[in-house]
Amino acid sequence: MKFKIIATFLMLVACLFVSESKSQGIKPYIAIVKTKADVVKGVLYKVDSASVVMIVEGSPVTLPVDEIKTIKIRTPKKEASIIQFLKYDPWNADNYEKRADGAIVRKWGEKDPTPGEEVGGHVVATVVNITGNIIAAPIQAINPSIANYKINGDAAKYAQHKTDLDYFSVYYQQNTNLTTELQKIKAISASFKP
């Protein structure tokens, strides 16, 4: 009895998980496919038993398995953003406190900055922020591969990795086979022993 309840609960959670993942939308992955002739870079659209279909500059490109050497999968790169390392604002409300008599004064008995000190503070903050962003730009540009597959034109190696590649394809994300996924979850839950 407990096993049926646990199995039913696991199936319900799996269905909720699958429906939630469907509602999250489709996430395109960038594929870099090295063939015998050259390197093709684009969105991984579809993976079937004989070829890989990619969208390259808006048009589909079909690459047969016997031509493929390696496949690298990457996530799309986010837009680089400007980082503010140092903020200088001497007139911010956080620099002031209210005394017991109701007067608003600078914290810790500080005095207002002179115009020269204020300009100097802004110049230093700007120089630090520009320098930091120049150093951070190459680091933000790094987009490592999340999966690498060596095929070398071998259909058997490709068949081993086909299921993994399917999960990265746009076509599979649009047309997820819920029956197959639920059967996998059922097989996992059947091996569960309370």
Protein backbone atom coordinates (compact mmCIF):
# COMPACT_ATOMS: atom_id res chain seq x y z
CA MET A 1 0.00 0.00 0.00
CA LYS A 2 2.79 2.42 0.92
CA PHE A 3 4.59 1.60 -2.31
CA LYS A 4 1.52 2.50 -4.40
CA ILE A 5 1.13 5.79 -2.55
CA ILE A 6 4.81 6.64 -3.01
CA ALA A 7 4.74 5.61 -6.68
CA THR A 8 1.60 7.67 -7.29
CA PHE A 9 3.15 10.62 -5.50
CA LEU A 10 6.33 10.33 -7.59
CA MET A 11 4.28 10.17 -10.80
CA LEU A 12 2.33 13.27 -9.75
CA VAL A 13 5.54 15.16 -8.97
CA ALA A 14 7.01 14.04 -12.29
CA CYS A 15 3.93 15.24 -14.18
CA LEU A 16 4.09 18.59 -12.41
CA PHE A 17 7.80 18.84 -13.17
CA VAL A 18 7.27 18.05 -16.86
CA SER A 19 4.36 20.48 -17.16
CA GLU A 20 6.36 23.19 -15.39
CA SER A 21 9.35 22.63 -17.66
CA LYS A 22 7.04 22.87 -20.70
CA SER A 23 5.69 26.20 -19.44
CA GLN A 24 9.17 27.64 -19.00
CA GLY A 25 9.64 27.88 -22.75
CA ILE A 26 12.29 26.82 -25.17
CA LYS A 27 15.94 27.51 -24.55
CA PRO A 28 18.03 27.54 -27.73
CA TYR A 29 21.59 26.22 -27.47
CA ILE A 30 24.49 27.17 -29.70
CA ALA A 31 26.22 24.25 -31.40
CA ILE A 32 29.71 24.44 -32.83
CA VAL A 33 30.10 21.47 -35.16
CA LYS A 34 33.51 20.67 -36.58
CA THR A 35 33.19 18.74 -39.83
CA LYS A 36 35.79 17.29 -42.17
CA ALA A 37 35.53 20.43 -44.31
CA ASP A 38 35.04 23.33 -41.84
CA VAL A 39 33.40 24.56 -38.64
CA VAL A 40 29.68 25.38 -38.55
CA LYS A 41 28.24 27.52 -35.75
CA GLY A 42 24.52 28.03 -35.16
CA VAL A 43 21.46 27.09 -33.12
CA LEU A 44 20.95 23.35 -32.66
CA TYR A 45 17.53 22.73 -34.17
CA LYS A 46 17.06 18.99 -34.61
CA VAL A 47 18.96 15.75 -34.06
CA ASP A 48 17.94 12.61 -35.92
CA SER A 49 19.59 9.24 -36.52
CA ALA A 50 21.39 10.30 -39.72
CA SER A 51 22.09 14.04 -39.35
CA VAL A 52 22.18 17.19 -37.27
CA VAL A 53 20.08 20.16 -38.38
CA MET A 54 21.21 23.63 -37.33
CA ILE A 55 19.92 27.13 -37.97
CA VAL A 56 22.81 29.21 -39.28
CA GLU A 57 22.09 32.88 -40.02
CA GLY A 58 18.37 32.18 -40.38
CA SER A 59 18.54 29.19 -42.72
CA PRO A 60 18.63 25.45 -41.91
CA VAL A 61 21.86 23.52 -42.49
CA THR A 62 21.88 19.70 -42.44
CA LEU A 63 25.12 17.97 -41.48
CA PRO A 64 25.35 14.19 -42.08
CA VAL A 65 26.79 12.07 -39.26
CA ASP A 66 29.69 10.70 -41.32
CA GLU A 67 30.99 14.28 -41.85
CA ILE A 68 30.89 15.33 -38.15
CA LYS A 69 34.10 15.26 -36.09
CA THR A 70 33.04 17.07 -32.89
CA ILE A 71 30.02 18.86 -31.46
CA LYS A 72 30.32 21.52 -28.76
CA ILE A 73 27.22 22.88 -27.03
CA ARG A 74 27.15 26.36 -25.48
CA THR A 75 24.48 28.54 -23.91
CA PRO A 76 23.72 31.84 -25.63
CA LYS A 77 25.89 34.63 -24.29
CA LYS A 78 24.16 37.32 -22.28
CA GLU A 79 24.76 40.97 -23.04
CA ALA A 80 27.80 42.33 -21.22
CA SER A 81 26.87 44.85 -18.57
CA ILE A 82 28.73 47.76 -17.06
CA ILE A 83 29.75 47.10 -13.48
CA GLN A 84 29.92 49.91 -10.95
CA PHE A 85 32.83 49.06 -8.67
CA LEU A 86 32.93 52.32 -6.77
CA LYS A 87 30.08 54.73 -6.10
CA TYR A 88 30.72 58.25 -4.89
CA ASP A 89 27.70 60.18 -3.70
CA PRO A 90 28.44 62.49 -0.77
CA TRP A 91 24.85 63.81 -0.73
CA ASN A 92 23.20 60.42 -0.33
CA ALA A 93 20.66 60.15 2.51
CA ASP A 94 22.69 57.27 4.00
CA ASN A 95 25.42 59.78 4.90
CA TYR A 96 23.07 61.68 7.21
CA GLU A 97 21.42 60.91 10.54
CA LYS A 98 18.76 62.56 12.65
CA ARG A 99 19.84 63.81 16.07
CA ALA A 100 17.65 63.66 19.16
CA ASP A 101 16.71 67.33 18.77
CA GLY A 102 15.43 66.63 15.22
CA ALA A 103 18.30 68.21 13.29
CA ILE A 104 19.70 66.28 10.34
CA VAL A 105 23.50 66.16 10.38
CA ARG A 106 26.25 64.17 8.71
CA LYS A 107 27.13 60.89 10.37
CA TRP A 108 30.22 60.70 12.58
CA GLY A 109 30.59 64.47 12.68
CA GLU A 110 31.84 64.73 9.08
CA LYS A 111 31.66 67.99 7.17
CA ASP A 112 30.27 68.61 3.69
CA PRO A 113 32.90 68.16 0.97
CA THR A 114 34.31 71.20 -0.75
CA PRO A 115 33.64 71.55 -4.48
CA GLY A 116 37.23 70.44 -5.19
CA GLU A 117 36.88 67.34 -3.01
CA GLU A 118 33.56 66.48 -4.64
CA VAL A 119 34.99 66.78 -8.19
CA GLY A 120 38.05 64.75 -7.13
CA GLY A 121 35.81 62.02 -5.67
CA HIS A 122 33.79 61.78 -8.88
CA VAL A 123 36.97 61.66 -11.00
CA VAL A 124 38.49 58.89 -8.87
CA ALA A 125 35.25 56.87 -8.93
CA THR A 126 35.01 57.24 -12.73
CA VAL A 127 38.63 56.18 -13.28
CA VAL A 128 38.20 53.12 -11.01
CA ASN A 129 34.94 52.11 -12.75
CA ILE A 130 36.38 52.50 -16.26
CA THR A 131 39.54 50.57 -15.36
CA GLY A 132 37.54 47.81 -13.69
CA ASN A 133 35.22 47.44 -16.70
CA ILE A 134 38.18 47.31 -19.11
CA ILE A 135 39.63 44.47 -17.03
CA ALA A 136 36.24 42.73 -16.64
CA ALA A 137 35.26 42.86 -20.35
CA PRO A 138 37.41 39.90 -21.47
CA ILE A 139 36.23 37.87 -18.49
CA GLN A 140 32.56 38.55 -19.35
CA ALA A 141 33.23 37.50 -22.95
CA ILE A 142 34.17 33.94 -21.95
CA ASN A 143 31.48 31.46 -23.01
CA PRO A 144 32.62 27.93 -22.14
CA SER A 145 31.13 24.79 -23.65
CA ILE A 146 28.66 22.94 -21.45
CA ALA A 147 29.00 19.68 -23.42
CA ASN A 148 31.56 18.24 -25.86
CA TYR A 149 30.99 15.19 -28.04
CA LYS A 150 33.64 13.49 -30.18
CA ILE A 151 31.95 11.72 -33.07
CA ASN A 152 34.74 11.34 -35.68
CA GLY A 153 32.20 10.26 -38.32
CA ASP A 154 31.33 7.12 -36.34
CA ALA A 155 27.59 6.32 -36.33
CA ALA A 156 27.93 4.18 -33.17
CA LYS A 157 29.49 7.05 -31.17
CA TYR A 158 26.82 9.38 -32.51
CA ALA A 159 24.08 6.95 -31.45
CA GLN A 160 25.52 6.92 -27.91
CA HIS A 161 25.26 10.72 -27.67
CA LYS A 162 22.04 11.20 -29.64
CA THR A 163 19.79 11.24 -26.55
CA ASP A 164 21.98 13.86 -24.85
CA LEU A 165 22.04 15.98 -27.99
CA ASP A 166 18.24 15.69 -28.28
CA TYR A 167 17.79 17.52 -24.98
CA PHE A 168 19.70 20.51 -26.37
CA SER A 169 17.72 20.72 -29.63
CA VAL A 170 14.92 23.22 -30.16
CA TYR A 171 12.78 20.61 -31.96
CA TYR A 172 12.90 18.22 -29.00
CA GLN A 173 12.02 21.00 -26.55
CA GLN A 174 9.02 21.95 -28.70
CA ASN A 175 7.86 18.34 -29.15
CA THR A 176 8.79 16.59 -25.93
CA ASN A 177 7.57 13.01 -25.94
CA LEU A 178 5.76 12.98 -22.61
CA THR A 179 4.92 9.28 -22.82
CA THR A 180 8.59 8.32 -23.12
CA GLU A 181 9.58 10.67 -20.31
CA LEU A 182 6.88 9.28 -18.03
CA GLN A 183 7.97 5.72 -18.84
CA LYS A 184 11.52 6.62 -17.80
CA ILE A 185 10.21 8.06 -14.53
CA LYS A 186 8.02 5.00 -13.98
CA ALA A 187 11.05 2.73 -14.48
CA ILE A 188 12.98 4.75 -11.93
CA SER A 189 10.12 4.65 -9.43
CA ALA A 190 9.68 0.88 -9.96
CA SER A 191 13.23 0.32 -8.82
CA PHE A 192 12.56 2.40 -5.71
CA LYS A 193 12.34 0.26 -2.59
CA PRO A 194 10.71 1.72 0.52
